Amino acid sequence: MSHHEVFEAGDIVLQNDITLRDAGVAYKTYGTLNGEGTNAIVYPTRYGGTHVDNEFLIGEGMALDPSKYFIVVPNKFGNGMSSSPSNTPAPFNGPRFPRVTIYDNVIQQHRLVTEVLGVKRIALAVGWSMGALQAYQWACLFPDMVERLAPLAGAARCARHNFVFLEGVKAALTADVAFENGWYEKPPLTGLRAMGRVWAGWALCQTWYRKEMYKSLGYSSLDDFLIAYWEGMFLQREPNDLLAMIDTWQQADLSANDTFDGDFEKALGAITARTYVMPGQTDMYFPPEDGEYEAEHIPNAEFRPIPSLWGHYAGGGKDPTGADTRFIDDSLKELLAT
């Protein structure tokens, strides 16, 4: 893992009234904060991802240019770098790791950028997938701080259909007898392989598979793709971390806090940032119609779906032609110029 730092957040009381002791938020910064503390971009991580996975959108000449902006990439709780089931000591290790919400993540990220890094204003809150959930939360909780917002292939809450999809992948993992209710002595490999196969049917759209677009990634057949990519990816991951992040995802709702008391439209209406809502046009996790509804309730928002056959992956720079990344980058440049 490339160099990173850790914000020692101390003992924090989570939304569920459990104290996460000695909490740590791993993060990496790119670029330099200006003297006024106003050129910061906050760019949280996706499900299963780390700051390294966000780097496809960071670079000289891109919208997220470290020569112009101070880009902060906080790793969310549960991803194995920040406090997670896999790195938390007993008694809160493994399946006893407490529920952490999107709200909990963003509150600690706000502490990081303000108390540690000295940021005064956020020029842009941006993120893909679960990163988008966090970016939305930033914009509605701290409207006086966040100037622009760009959720990429994400949403402001976990919809019911999204929740059901996640129940399926959880069931595939936990059905493995080796899982032992999370107290496994060796990795539940059968469950991890099954989880990857279930996930494969959701991340990319029907047309993508019909056109055999996995061949553009170097996979010789559908079976090759399912085994080498999907099973291979999940076999490298820590099961309890995966489940903790799913739980955070399933509870996601930017209005689920004392500020908005469950009023979703009120929370969307509190966002004053200039916003580009950018769902993937063929995304089955966070379909465009969800993003369109959210854009209608954000006062200064534009609905700008990513025209792509790459499903949910449209937001993550997976298209080897670079077309999706160029569309996102061009849109972010335009947004940052407003």
C-alpha atoms as a PDB file:
ATOM      1  CA  MET A   1       0.000   0.000   0.000  1.00  0.00           C
ATOM      2  CA  SER A   2       1.335   3.415  -0.923  1.00  0.00           C
ATOM      3  CA  HIS A   3       2.316   5.765   1.881  1.00  0.00           C
ATOM      4  CA  HIS A   4      -0.520   7.026   4.029  1.00  0.00           C
ATOM      5  CA  GLU A   5      -1.147   8.537   7.450  1.00  0.00           C
ATOM      6  CA  VAL A   6      -3.595   7.771  10.242  1.00  0.00           C
ATOM      7  CA  PHE A   7      -5.771  10.226  12.156  1.00  0.00           C
ATOM      8  CA  GLU A   8      -5.947   8.943  15.723  1.00  0.00           C
ATOM      9  CA  ALA A   9      -9.549   9.865  16.503  1.00  0.00           C
ATOM     10  CA  GLY A  10      -9.553   8.467  20.044  1.00  0.00           C
ATOM     11  CA  ASP A  11     -12.672   7.016  21.650  1.00  0.00           C
ATOM     12  CA  ILE A  12     -15.704   7.948  19.562  1.00  0.00           C
ATOM     13  CA  VAL A  13     -19.349   7.317  20.354  1.00  0.00           C
ATOM     14  CA  LEU A  14     -21.107   5.963  17.288  1.00  0.00           C
ATOM     15  CA  GLN A  15     -24.703   6.547  16.263  1.00  0.00           C
ATOM     16  CA  ASN A  16     -25.692   3.251  17.877  1.00  0.00           C
ATOM     17  CA  ASP A  17     -24.268   4.454  21.234  1.00  0.00           C
ATOM     18  CA  ILE A  18     -21.349   2.014  21.158  1.00  0.00           C
ATOM     19  CA  THR A  19     -17.913   3.507  21.793  1.00  0.00           C
ATOM     20  CA  LEU A  20     -15.285   2.636  19.191  1.00  0.00           C
ATOM     21  CA  ARG A  21     -12.087   2.943  21.192  1.00  0.00           C
ATOM     22  CA  ASP A  22      -8.798   4.142  19.762  1.00  0.00           C
ATOM     23  CA  ALA A  23     -10.459   4.724  16.415  1.00  0.00           C
ATOM     24  CA  GLY A  24      -8.205   5.408  13.449  1.00  0.00           C
ATOM     25  CA  VAL A  25      -8.941   6.987  10.071  1.00  0.00           C
ATOM     26  CA  ALA A  26      -6.297   6.163   7.462  1.00  0.00           C
ATOM     27  CA  TYR A  27      -5.907   8.835   4.820  1.00  0.00           C
ATOM     28  CA  LYS A  28      -3.675  10.178   2.100  1.00  0.00           C
ATOM     29  CA  THR A  29      -3.337  13.713   0.781  1.00  0.00           C
ATOM     30  CA  TYR A  30      -2.265  14.892  -2.656  1.00  0.00           C
ATOM     31  CA  GLY A  31      -1.127  18.455  -3.293  1.00  0.00           C
ATOM     32  CA  THR A  32      -0.799  21.384  -0.896  1.00  0.00           C
ATOM     33  CA  LEU A  33      -3.389  23.316   1.071  1.00  0.00           C
ATOM     34  CA  ASN A  34      -3.352  27.009   0.224  1.00  0.00           C
ATOM     35  CA  GLY A  35      -2.893  29.697   2.857  1.00  0.00           C
ATOM     36  CA  GLU A  36      -6.614  30.358   3.096  1.00  0.00           C
ATOM     37  CA  GLY A  37      -7.448  26.660   3.522  1.00  0.00           C
ATOM     38  CA  THR A  38      -9.946  26.827   0.659  1.00  0.00           C
ATOM     39  CA  ASN A  39      -8.612  24.593  -2.148  1.00  0.00           C
ATOM     40  CA  ALA A  40      -9.430  21.234  -0.564  1.00  0.00           C
ATOM     41  CA  ILE A  41     -11.235  18.367  -2.248  1.00  0.00           C
ATOM     42  CA  VAL A  42     -12.581  15.504  -0.139  1.00  0.00           C
ATOM     43  CA  TYR A  43     -12.744  12.195  -2.006  1.00  0.00           C
ATOM     44  CA  PRO A  44     -13.854   9.245   0.212  1.00  0.00           C
ATOM     45  CA  THR A  45     -13.323   5.591  -0.688  1.00  0.00           C
ATOM     46  CA  ARG A  46     -15.699   3.048  -2.213  1.00  0.00           C
ATOM     47  CA  TYR A  47     -16.777  -0.390  -0.976  1.00  0.00           C
ATOM     48  CA  GLY A  48     -13.704  -2.566  -0.581  1.00  0.00           C
ATOM     49  CA  GLY A  49     -11.472   0.214  -1.885  1.00  0.00           C
ATOM     50  CA  THR A  50      -8.597   2.202  -0.422  1.00  0.00           C
ATOM     51  CA  HIS A  51      -7.059   5.557  -1.307  1.00  0.00           C
ATOM     52  CA  VAL A  52      -4.989   3.788  -3.978  1.00  0.00           C
ATOM     53  CA  ASP A  53      -8.175   2.866  -5.860  1.00  0.00           C
ATOM     54  CA  ASN A  54      -9.142   6.550  -6.064  1.00  0.00           C
ATOM     55  CA  GLU A  55      -5.969   7.595  -7.832  1.00  0.00           C
ATOM     56  CA  PHE A  56      -7.340   7.032 -11.353  1.00  0.00           C
ATOM     57  CA  LEU A  57      -9.036  10.443 -11.096  1.00  0.00           C
ATOM     58  CA  ILE A  58      -6.043  12.281  -9.598  1.00  0.00           C
ATOM     59  CA  GLY A  59      -3.228  13.688 -11.707  1.00  0.00           C
ATOM     60  CA  GLU A  60      -1.611  16.656 -13.369  1.00  0.00           C
ATOM     61  CA  GLY A  61      -3.892  18.179 -15.987  1.00  0.00           C
ATOM     62  CA  MET A  62      -6.960  16.388 -14.608  1.00  0.00           C
ATOM     63  CA  ALA A  63      -9.805  18.004 -12.689  1.00  0.00           C
ATOM     64  CA  LEU A  64      -8.330  16.656  -9.458  1.00  0.00           C
ATOM     65  CA  ASP A  65      -4.930  18.195 -10.094  1.00  0.00           C
ATOM     66  CA  PRO A  66      -2.581  18.151  -7.078  1.00  0.00           C
ATOM     67  CA  SER A  67      -0.821  21.247  -8.421  1.00  0.00           C
ATOM     68  CA  LYS A  68      -4.072  23.182  -7.919  1.00  0.00           C
ATOM     69  CA  TYR A  69      -5.961  21.373  -5.189  1.00  0.00           C
ATOM     70  CA  PHE A  70      -5.341  19.735  -1.835  1.00  0.00           C
ATOM     71  CA  ILE A  71      -7.035  16.364  -2.280  1.00  0.00           C
ATOM     72  CA  VAL A  72      -7.879  14.418   0.874  1.00  0.00           C
ATOM     73  CA  VAL A  73      -8.790  10.735   0.500  1.00  0.00           C
ATOM     74  CA  PRO A  74     -10.067   9.302   3.788  1.00  0.00           C
ATOM     75  CA  ASN A  75     -10.436   5.527   4.031  1.00  0.00           C
ATOM     76  CA  LYS A  76     -13.824   4.634   5.450  1.00  0.00           C
ATOM     77  CA  PHE A  77     -14.214   2.480   8.525  1.00  0.00           C
ATOM     78  CA  GLY A  78     -14.290  -1.248   7.767  1.00  0.00           C
ATOM     79  CA  ASN A  79     -11.983  -1.233   4.745  1.00  0.00           C
ATOM     80  CA  GLY A  80      -9.065  -2.846   6.587  1.00  0.00           C
ATOM     81  CA  MET A  81      -6.987   0.353   6.829  1.00  0.00           C
ATOM     82  CA  SER A  82      -9.148   2.558   9.025  1.00  0.00           C
ATOM     83  CA  SER A  83     -10.626   0.866  12.114  1.00  0.00           C
ATOM     84  CA  SER A  84     -12.142  -2.426  10.956  1.00  0.00           C
ATOM     85  CA  PRO A  85     -13.114  -5.877  12.229  1.00  0.00           C
ATOM     86  CA  SER A  86      -9.744  -7.195  11.056  1.00  0.00           C
ATOM     87  CA  ASN A  87      -7.583  -4.684  12.962  1.00  0.00           C
ATOM     88  CA  THR A  88      -9.624  -3.925  16.092  1.00  0.00           C
ATOM     89  CA  PRO A  89      -8.595  -5.723  19.298  1.00  0.00           C
ATOM     90  CA  ALA A  90     -10.962  -7.859  21.391  1.00  0.00           C
ATOM     91  CA  PRO A  91     -13.679  -7.615  22.494  1.00  0.00           C
ATOM     92  CA  PHE A  92     -14.764  -5.588  19.434  1.00  0.00           C
ATOM     93  CA  ASN A  93     -12.853  -7.655  16.883  1.00  0.00           C
ATOM     94  CA  GLY A  94     -14.330  -9.741  14.080  1.00  0.00           C
ATOM     95  CA  PRO A  95     -18.122 -10.031  14.084  1.00  0.00           C
ATOM     96  CA  ARG A  96     -18.320  -7.966  17.294  1.00  0.00           C
ATOM     97  CA  PHE A  97     -17.133  -4.845  15.489  1.00  0.00           C
ATOM     98  CA  PRO A  98     -19.822  -2.211  16.056  1.00  0.00           C
ATOM     99  CA  ARG A  99     -22.100  -0.834  13.369  1.00  0.00           C
ATOM    100  CA  VAL A 100     -20.579   2.257  11.770  1.00  0.00           C
ATOM    101  CA  THR A 101     -22.777   4.491   9.625  1.00  0.00           C
ATOM    102  CA  ILE A 102     -22.016   6.869   6.777  1.00  0.00           C
ATOM    103  CA  TYR A 103     -22.771   9.665   9.254  1.00  0.00           C
ATOM    104  CA  ASP A 104     -20.173   8.273  11.693  1.00  0.00           C
ATOM    105  CA  ASN A 105     -17.596   8.205   8.906  1.00  0.00           C
ATOM    106  CA  VAL A 106     -18.219  11.766   7.785  1.00  0.00           C
ATOM    107  CA  ILE A 107     -18.183  13.216  11.298  1.00  0.00           C
ATOM    108  CA  GLN A 108     -14.682  11.797  11.832  1.00  0.00           C
ATOM    109  CA  GLN A 109     -13.572  12.868   8.358  1.00  0.00           C
ATOM    110  CA  HIS A 110     -14.720  16.400   9.207  1.00  0.00           C
ATOM    111  CA  ARG A 111     -12.590  16.285  12.346  1.00  0.00           C
ATOM    112  CA  LEU A 112      -9.654  15.130  10.244  1.00  0.00           C
ATOM    113  CA  VAL A 113      -9.857  17.891   7.656  1.00  0.00           C
ATOM    114  CA  THR A 114     -10.606  20.705  10.098  1.00  0.00           C
ATOM    115  CA  GLU A 115      -8.706  19.809  13.278  1.00  0.00           C
ATOM    116  CA  VAL A 116      -5.687  18.099  11.729  1.00  0.00           C
ATOM    117  CA  LEU A 117      -5.341  19.441   8.198  1.00  0.00           C
ATOM    118  CA  GLY A 118      -6.608  22.993   8.718  1.00  0.00           C
ATOM    119  CA  VAL A 119      -9.157  23.008   5.894  1.00  0.00           C
ATOM    120  CA  LYS A 120     -11.663  25.891   5.929  1.00  0.00           C
ATOM    121  CA  ARG A 121     -13.611  25.235   2.735  1.00  0.00           C
ATOM    122  CA  ILE A 122     -14.236  22.192   0.539  1.00  0.00           C
ATOM    123  CA  ALA A 123     -14.070  23.111  -3.143  1.00  0.00           C
ATOM    124  CA  LEU A 124     -15.562  19.730  -4.062  1.00  0.00           C
ATOM    125  CA  ALA A 125     -16.912  16.616  -2.353  1.00  0.00           C
ATOM    126  CA  VAL A 126     -16.723  13.713  -4.781  1.00  0.00           C
ATOM    127  CA  GLY A 127     -16.844   9.929  -4.605  1.00  0.00           C
ATOM    128  CA  TRP A 128     -17.797   6.757  -6.410  1.00  0.00           C
ATOM    129  CA  SER A 129     -20.335   4.246  -5.034  1.00  0.00           C
ATOM    130  CA  MET A 130     -20.032   4.254  -1.224  1.00  0.00           C
ATOM    131  CA  GLY A 131     -17.769   7.251  -1.740  1.00  0.00           C
ATOM    132  CA  ALA A 132     -20.788   9.012  -3.253  1.00  0.00           C
ATOM    133  CA  LEU A 133     -22.858   8.161  -0.167  1.00  0.00           C
ATOM    134  CA  GLN A 134     -20.210   9.890   1.939  1.00  0.00           C
ATOM    135  CA  ALA A 135     -19.939  12.889  -0.420  1.00  0.00           C
ATOM    136  CA  TYR A 136     -23.702  13.430  -0.177  1.00  0.00           C
ATOM    137  CA  GLN A 137     -23.479  13.292   3.607  1.00  0.00           C
ATOM    138  CA  TRP A 138     -20.702  15.888   3.603  1.00  0.00           C
ATOM    139  CA  ALA A 139     -22.765  18.298   1.522  1.00  0.00           C
ATOM    140  CA  CYS A 140     -25.944  18.119   3.596  1.00  0.00           C
ATOM    141  CA  LEU A 141     -24.260  18.184   7.024  1.00  0.00           C
ATOM    142  CA  PHE A 142     -21.811  20.982   6.196  1.00  0.00           C
ATOM    143  CA  PRO A 143     -23.498  23.126   3.520  1.00  0.00           C
ATOM    144  CA  ASP A 144     -21.559  26.244   4.513  1.00  0.00           C
ATOM    145  CA  MET A 145     -18.308  24.392   3.931  1.00  0.00           C
ATOM    146  CA  VAL A 146     -18.926  22.321   0.785  1.00  0.00           C
ATOM    147  CA  GLU A 147     -19.036  24.435  -2.378  1.00  0.00           C
ATOM    148  CA  ARG A 148     -19.543  21.693  -4.988  1.00  0.00           C
ATOM    149  CA  LEU A 149     -20.749  18.094  -4.973  1.00  0.00           C
ATOM    150  CA  ALA A 150     -20.323  15.263  -7.494  1.00  0.00           C
ATOM    151  CA  PRO A 151     -21.678  11.823  -6.510  1.00  0.00           C
ATOM    152  CA  LEU A 152     -20.446   9.296  -9.105  1.00  0.00           C
ATOM    153  CA  ALA A 153     -22.556   6.159  -9.651  1.00  0.00           C
ATOM    154  CA  GLY A 154     -23.922   6.454  -6.148  1.00  0.00           C
ATOM    155  CA  ALA A 155     -26.892   7.736  -4.204  1.00  0.00           C
ATOM    156  CA  ALA A 156     -27.944   9.617  -1.114  1.00  0.00           C
ATOM    157  CA  ARG A 157     -29.366   6.480   0.514  1.00  0.00           C
ATOM    158  CA  CYS A 158     -29.544   2.721   0.051  1.00  0.00           C
ATOM    159  CA  ALA A 159     -32.753   1.939  -1.844  1.00  0.00           C
ATOM    160  CA  ARG A 160     -34.808  -1.163  -1.015  1.00  0.00           C
ATOM    161  CA  HIS A 161     -33.744  -2.999  -4.182  1.00  0.00           C
ATOM    162  CA  ASN A 162     -30.110  -2.176  -3.413  1.00  0.00           C
ATOM    163  CA  PHE A 163     -30.633  -3.534   0.109  1.00  0.00           C
ATOM    164  CA  VAL A 164     -31.969  -6.813  -1.320  1.00  0.00           C
ATOM    165  CA  PHE A 165     -28.974  -7.194  -3.636  1.00  0.00           C
ATOM    166  CA  LEU A 166     -26.663  -6.844  -0.636  1.00  0.00           C
ATOM    167  CA  GLU A 167     -28.657  -9.429   1.315  1.00  0.00           C
ATOM    168  CA  GLY A 168     -27.908 -11.886  -1.485  1.00  0.00           C
ATOM    169  CA  VAL A 169     -24.157 -11.385  -1.381  1.00  0.00           C
ATOM    170  CA  LYS A 170     -24.147 -11.586   2.421  1.00  0.00           C
ATOM    171  CA  ALA A 171     -26.060 -14.868   2.287  1.00  0.00           C
ATOM    172  CA  ALA A 172     -23.581 -16.346  -0.205  1.00  0.00           C
ATOM    173  CA  LEU A 173     -20.686 -15.647   2.146  1.00  0.00           C
ATOM    174  CA  THR A 174     -22.255 -16.601   5.458  1.00  0.00           C
ATOM    175  CA  ALA A 175     -23.761 -19.871   4.160  1.00  0.00           C
ATOM    176  CA  ASP A 176     -20.259 -21.388   4.038  1.00  0.00           C
ATOM    177  CA  VAL A 177     -19.961 -23.707   7.069  1.00  0.00           C
ATOM    178  CA  ALA A 178     -16.368 -22.503   7.466  1.00  0.00           C
ATOM    179  CA  PHE A 179     -17.660 -18.983   8.201  1.00  0.00           C
ATOM    180  CA  GLU A 180     -18.545 -20.033  11.774  1.00  0.00           C
ATOM    181  CA  ASN A 181     -20.674 -16.929  12.425  1.00  0.00           C
ATOM    182  CA  GLY A 182     -17.643 -14.783  11.796  1.00  0.00           C
ATOM    183  CA  TRP A 183     -15.293 -16.622  14.174  1.00  0.00           C
ATOM    184  CA  TYR A 184     -13.614 -18.574  11.375  1.00  0.00           C
ATOM    185  CA  GLU A 185     -10.202 -20.125  11.977  1.00  0.00           C
ATOM    186  CA  LYS A 186      -9.450 -20.203   8.260  1.00  0.00           C
ATOM    187  CA  PRO A 187     -10.963 -18.120   5.457  1.00  0.00           C
ATOM    188  CA  PRO A 188     -14.376 -19.350   4.204  1.00  0.00           C
ATOM    189  CA  LEU A 189     -13.123 -19.759   0.656  1.00  0.00           C
ATOM    190  CA  THR A 190     -16.286 -21.322  -0.740  1.00  0.00           C
ATOM    191  CA  GLY A 191     -18.343 -18.415   0.593  1.00  0.00           C
ATOM    192  CA  LEU A 192     -15.913 -15.838  -0.768  1.00  0.00           C
ATOM    193  CA  ARG A 193     -16.003 -17.440  -4.219  1.00  0.00           C
ATOM    194  CA  ALA A 194     -19.813 -17.540  -4.122  1.00  0.00           C
ATOM    195  CA  MET A 195     -19.955 -13.904  -3.014  1.00  0.00           C
ATOM    196  CA  GLY A 196     -17.847 -12.890  -5.994  1.00  0.00           C
ATOM    197  CA  ARG A 197     -20.101 -14.754  -8.402  1.00  0.00           C
ATOM    198  CA  VAL A 198     -23.253 -13.144  -7.013  1.00  0.00           C
ATOM    199  CA  TRP A 199     -21.639  -9.711  -7.237  1.00  0.00           C
ATOM    200  CA  ALA A 200     -20.673 -10.309 -10.879  1.00  0.00           C
ATOM    201  CA  GLY A 201     -24.318 -10.251 -11.947  1.00  0.00           C
ATOM    202  CA  TRP A 202     -24.873  -6.775 -10.527  1.00  0.00           C
ATOM    203  CA  ALA A 203     -21.756  -4.722 -11.207  1.00  0.00           C
ATOM    204  CA  LEU A 204     -22.092  -4.797 -14.997  1.00  0.00           C
ATOM    205  CA  CYS A 205     -25.201  -4.584 -17.132  1.00  0.00           C
ATOM    206  CA  GLN A 206     -26.880  -7.167 -19.356  1.00  0.00           C
ATOM    207  CA  THR A 207     -25.681  -5.538 -22.570  1.00  0.00           C
ATOM    208  CA  TRP A 208     -22.101  -5.542 -21.303  1.00  0.00           C
ATOM    209  CA  TYR A 209     -22.267  -9.317 -20.919  1.00  0.00           C
ATOM    210  CA  ARG A 210     -24.144  -9.822 -24.190  1.00  0.00           C
ATOM    211  CA  LYS A 211     -21.387  -7.965 -26.034  1.00  0.00           C
ATOM    212  CA  GLU A 212     -18.751 -10.064 -24.183  1.00  0.00           C
ATOM    213  CA  MET A 213     -17.010  -6.894 -23.069  1.00  0.00           C
ATOM    214  CA  TYR A 214     -15.011  -8.842 -20.478  1.00  0.00           C
ATOM    215  CA  LYS A 215     -12.714  -9.702 -23.391  1.00  0.00           C
ATOM    216  CA  SER A 216     -11.626  -6.045 -23.485  1.00  0.00           C
ATOM    217  CA  LEU A 217     -10.175  -6.625 -20.003  1.00  0.00           C
ATOM    218  CA  GLY A 218      -8.105  -9.575 -21.185  1.00  0.00           C
ATOM    219  CA  TYR A 219     -10.411 -12.436 -20.131  1.00  0.00           C
ATOM    220  CA  SER A 220     -10.777 -15.160 -22.732  1.00  0.00           C
ATOM    221  CA  SER A 221     -14.245 -16.384 -21.774  1.00  0.00           C
ATOM    222  CA  LEU A 222     -17.097 -15.793 -19.332  1.00  0.00           C
ATOM    223  CA  ASP A 223     -15.828 -18.568 -17.060  1.00  0.00           C
ATOM    224  CA  ASP A 224     -12.348 -17.062 -17.164  1.00  0.00           C
ATOM    225  CA  PHE A 225     -13.797 -13.712 -16.091  1.00  0.00           C
ATOM    226  CA  LEU A 226     -15.907 -15.163 -13.280  1.00  0.00           C
ATOM    227  CA  ILE A 227     -13.052 -17.208 -11.839  1.00  0.00           C
ATOM    228  CA  ALA A 228     -10.001 -15.039 -12.464  1.00  0.00           C
ATOM    229  CA  TYR A 229     -11.576 -11.649 -11.778  1.00  0.00           C
ATOM    230  CA  TRP A 230     -14.535 -12.094  -9.442  1.00  0.00           C
ATOM    231  CA  GLU A 231     -13.491 -15.130  -7.423  1.00  0.00           C
ATOM    232  CA  GLY A 232      -9.897 -13.908  -7.449  1.00  0.00           C
ATOM    233  CA  MET A 233     -10.831 -10.477  -6.106  1.00  0.00           C
ATOM    234  CA  PHE A 234     -12.976 -11.699  -3.230  1.00  0.00           C
ATOM    235  CA  LEU A 235     -10.516 -14.413  -2.197  1.00  0.00           C
ATOM    236  CA  GLN A 236      -8.090 -11.589  -1.312  1.00  0.00           C
ATOM    237  CA  ARG A 237     -10.542  -9.883   1.041  1.00  0.00           C
ATOM    238  CA  GLU A 238     -11.303 -10.244   4.729  1.00  0.00           C
ATOM    239  CA  PRO A 239     -14.844 -11.581   5.275  1.00  0.00           C
ATOM    240  CA  ASN A 240     -15.745  -9.639   8.417  1.00  0.00           C
ATOM    241  CA  ASP A 241     -14.501  -6.417   6.828  1.00  0.00           C
ATOM    242  CA  LEU A 242     -16.687  -7.106   3.797  1.00  0.00           C
ATOM    243  CA  LEU A 243     -19.735  -7.610   6.006  1.00  0.00           C
ATOM    244  CA  ALA A 244     -19.050  -4.517   8.109  1.00  0.00           C
ATOM    245  CA  MET A 245     -18.900  -2.362   4.974  1.00  0.00           C
ATOM    246  CA  ILE A 246     -22.117  -3.919   3.657  1.00  0.00           C
ATOM    247  CA  ASP A 247     -23.833  -3.072   6.929  1.00  0.00           C
ATOM    248  CA  THR A 248     -22.675   0.549   6.611  1.00  0.00           C
ATOM    249  CA  TRP A 249     -23.969   0.590   3.031  1.00  0.00           C
ATOM    250  CA  GLN A 250     -27.355  -0.902   3.893  1.00  0.00           C
ATOM    251  CA  GLN A 251     -27.982   1.658   6.661  1.00  0.00           C
ATOM    252  CA  ALA A 252     -26.987   4.581   4.435  1.00  0.00           C
ATOM    253  CA  ASP A 253     -29.428   7.506   4.405  1.00  0.00           C
ATOM    254  CA  LEU A 254     -28.213  11.081   4.551  1.00  0.00           C
ATOM    255  CA  SER A 255     -31.272  12.012   6.634  1.00  0.00           C
ATOM    256  CA  ALA A 256     -30.769   9.318   9.311  1.00  0.00           C
ATOM    257  CA  ASN A 257     -29.433  11.621  12.009  1.00  0.00           C
ATOM    258  CA  ASP A 258     -30.660  14.141  14.584  1.00  0.00           C
ATOM    259  CA  THR A 259     -30.218  17.025  12.151  1.00  0.00           C
ATOM    260  CA  PHE A 260     -32.861  15.773   9.687  1.00  0.00           C
ATOM    261  CA  ASP A 261     -34.704  13.133  11.729  1.00  0.00           C
ATOM    262  CA  GLY A 262     -35.343  10.909   8.716  1.00  0.00           C
ATOM    263  CA  ASP A 263     -36.731  13.625   6.427  1.00  0.00           C
ATOM    264  CA  PHE A 264     -34.969  12.646   3.197  1.00  0.00           C
ATOM    265  CA  GLU A 265     -36.255  15.531   1.082  1.00  0.00           C
ATOM    266  CA  LYS A 266     -35.309  18.028   3.796  1.00  0.00           C
ATOM    267  CA  ALA A 267     -31.766  16.642   3.844  1.00  0.00           C
ATOM    268  CA  LEU A 268     -31.480  16.928   0.058  1.00  0.00           C
ATOM    269  CA  GLY A 269     -32.879  20.436   0.219  1.00  0.00           C
ATOM    270  CA  ALA A 270     -30.220  21.436   2.735  1.00  0.00           C
ATOM    271  CA  ILE A 271     -27.497  20.923   0.118  1.00  0.00           C
ATOM    272  CA  THR A 272     -26.430  24.323  -1.193  1.00  0.00           C
ATOM    273  CA  ALA A 273     -23.426  23.076  -3.171  1.00  0.00           C
ATOM    274  CA  ARG A 274     -23.401  23.357  -6.945  1.00  0.00           C
ATOM    275  CA  THR A 275     -24.105  19.712  -7.725  1.00  0.00           C
ATOM    276  CA  TYR A 276     -23.687  17.338 -10.649  1.00  0.00           C
ATOM    277  CA  VAL A 277     -25.575  14.121  -9.919  1.00  0.00           C
ATOM    278  CA  MET A 278     -23.760  11.550 -12.067  1.00  0.00           C
ATOM    279  CA  PRO A 279     -25.213   8.022 -11.926  1.00  0.00           C
ATOM    280  CA  GLY A 280     -24.092   5.344 -14.323  1.00  0.00           C
ATOM    281  CA  GLN A 281     -26.657   5.120 -17.110  1.00  0.00           C
ATOM    282  CA  THR A 282     -26.781   1.309 -16.831  1.00  0.00           C
ATOM    283  CA  ASP A 283     -26.051   0.991 -13.092  1.00  0.00           C
ATOM    284  CA  MET A 284     -28.151  -1.643 -11.317  1.00  0.00           C
ATOM    285  CA  TYR A 285     -26.980  -0.714  -7.782  1.00  0.00           C
ATOM    286  CA  PHE A 286     -27.904   2.967  -7.952  1.00  0.00           C
ATOM    287  CA  PRO A 287     -30.145   3.316 -11.046  1.00  0.00           C
ATOM    288  CA  PRO A 288     -30.405   6.685 -12.836  1.00  0.00           C
ATOM    289  CA  GLU A 289     -34.007   7.247 -11.720  1.00  0.00           C
ATOM    290  CA  ASP A 290     -32.821   7.411  -8.088  1.00  0.00           C
ATOM    291  CA  GLY A 291     -30.280  10.055  -9.028  1.00  0.00           C
ATOM    292  CA  GLU A 292     -32.849  11.979 -11.022  1.00  0.00           C
ATOM    293  CA  TYR A 293     -35.144  12.131  -7.982  1.00  0.00           C
ATOM    294  CA  GLU A 294     -32.288  13.360  -5.818  1.00  0.00           C
ATOM    295  CA  ALA A 295     -31.295  16.028  -8.332  1.00  0.00           C
ATOM    296  CA  GLU A 296     -34.878  17.317  -8.404  1.00  0.00           C
ATOM    297  CA  HIS A 297     -34.744  17.940  -4.643  1.00  0.00           C
ATOM    298  CA  ILE A 298     -31.300  19.596  -4.482  1.00  0.00           C
ATOM    299  CA  PRO A 299     -31.692  23.339  -5.107  1.00  0.00           C
ATOM    300  CA  ASN A 300     -28.648  23.824  -7.348  1.00  0.00           C
ATOM    301  CA  ALA A 301     -28.267  20.438  -9.031  1.00  0.00           C
ATOM    302  CA  GLU A 302     -27.886  19.153 -12.566  1.00  0.00           C
ATOM    303  CA  PHE A 303     -28.658  15.545 -13.520  1.00  0.00           C
ATOM    304  CA  ARG A 304     -25.788  14.279 -15.673  1.00  0.00           C
ATOM    305  CA  PRO A 305     -25.734  10.464 -16.092  1.00  0.00           C
ATOM    306  CA  ILE A 306     -22.559   8.802 -17.337  1.00  0.00           C
ATOM    307  CA  PRO A 307     -23.338   7.395 -20.837  1.00  0.00           C
ATOM    308  CA  SER A 308     -21.788   3.968 -20.478  1.00  0.00           C
ATOM    309  CA  LEU A 309     -22.404   0.241 -20.815  1.00  0.00           C
ATOM    310  CA  TRP A 310     -20.095  -0.402 -17.870  1.00  0.00           C
ATOM    311  CA  GLY A 311     -22.927  -0.505 -15.328  1.00  0.00           C
ATOM    312  CA  HIS A 312     -21.855   0.476 -11.845  1.00  0.00           C
ATOM    313  CA  TYR A 313     -18.250   0.384 -12.978  1.00  0.00           C
ATOM    314  CA  ALA A 314     -18.841   3.485 -15.098  1.00  0.00           C
ATOM    315  CA  GLY A 315     -17.955   5.538 -12.025  1.00  0.00           C
ATOM    316  CA  GLY A 316     -14.753   3.704 -11.248  1.00  0.00           C
ATOM    317  CA  GLY A 317     -12.471   4.068 -14.234  1.00  0.00           C
ATOM    318  CA  LYS A 318     -12.729   0.422 -15.310  1.00  0.00           C
ATOM    319  CA  ASP A 319     -13.396   1.025 -19.020  1.00  0.00           C
ATOM    320  CA  PRO A 320     -10.038   0.355 -20.738  1.00  0.00           C
ATOM    321  CA  THR A 321     -10.832   2.897 -23.469  1.00  0.00           C
ATOM    322  CA  GLY A 322     -10.897   5.630 -20.833  1.00  0.00           C
ATOM    323  CA  ALA A 323     -14.176   7.048 -22.170  1.00  0.00           C
ATOM    324  CA  ASP A 324     -15.953   6.935 -18.803  1.00  0.00           C
ATOM    325  CA  THR A 325     -13.048   8.565 -16.987  1.00  0.00           C
ATOM    326  CA  ARG A 326     -12.834  11.307 -19.626  1.00  0.00           C
ATOM    327  CA  PHE A 327     -16.554  12.038 -19.260  1.00  0.00           C
ATOM    328  CA  ILE A 328     -16.228  12.256 -15.478  1.00  0.00           C
ATOM    329  CA  ASP A 329     -13.048  14.325 -15.633  1.00  0.00           C
ATOM    330  CA  ASP A 330     -14.504  16.772 -18.157  1.00  0.00           C
ATOM    331  CA  SER A 331     -17.616  17.157 -16.015  1.00  0.00           C
ATOM    332  CA  LEU A 332     -15.569  17.756 -12.870  1.00  0.00           C
ATOM    333  CA  LYS A 333     -13.462  20.364 -14.669  1.00  0.00           C
ATOM    334  CA  GLU A 334     -16.652  22.123 -15.721  1.00  0.00           C
ATOM    335  CA  LEU A 335     -18.072  21.915 -12.206  1.00  0.00           C
ATOM    336  CA  LEU A 336     -14.892  23.245 -10.606  1.00  0.00           C
ATOM    337  CA  ALA A 337     -14.908  26.155 -13.058  1.00  0.00           C
ATOM    338  CA  THR A 338     -18.336  27.326 -11.849  1.00  0.00           C
END
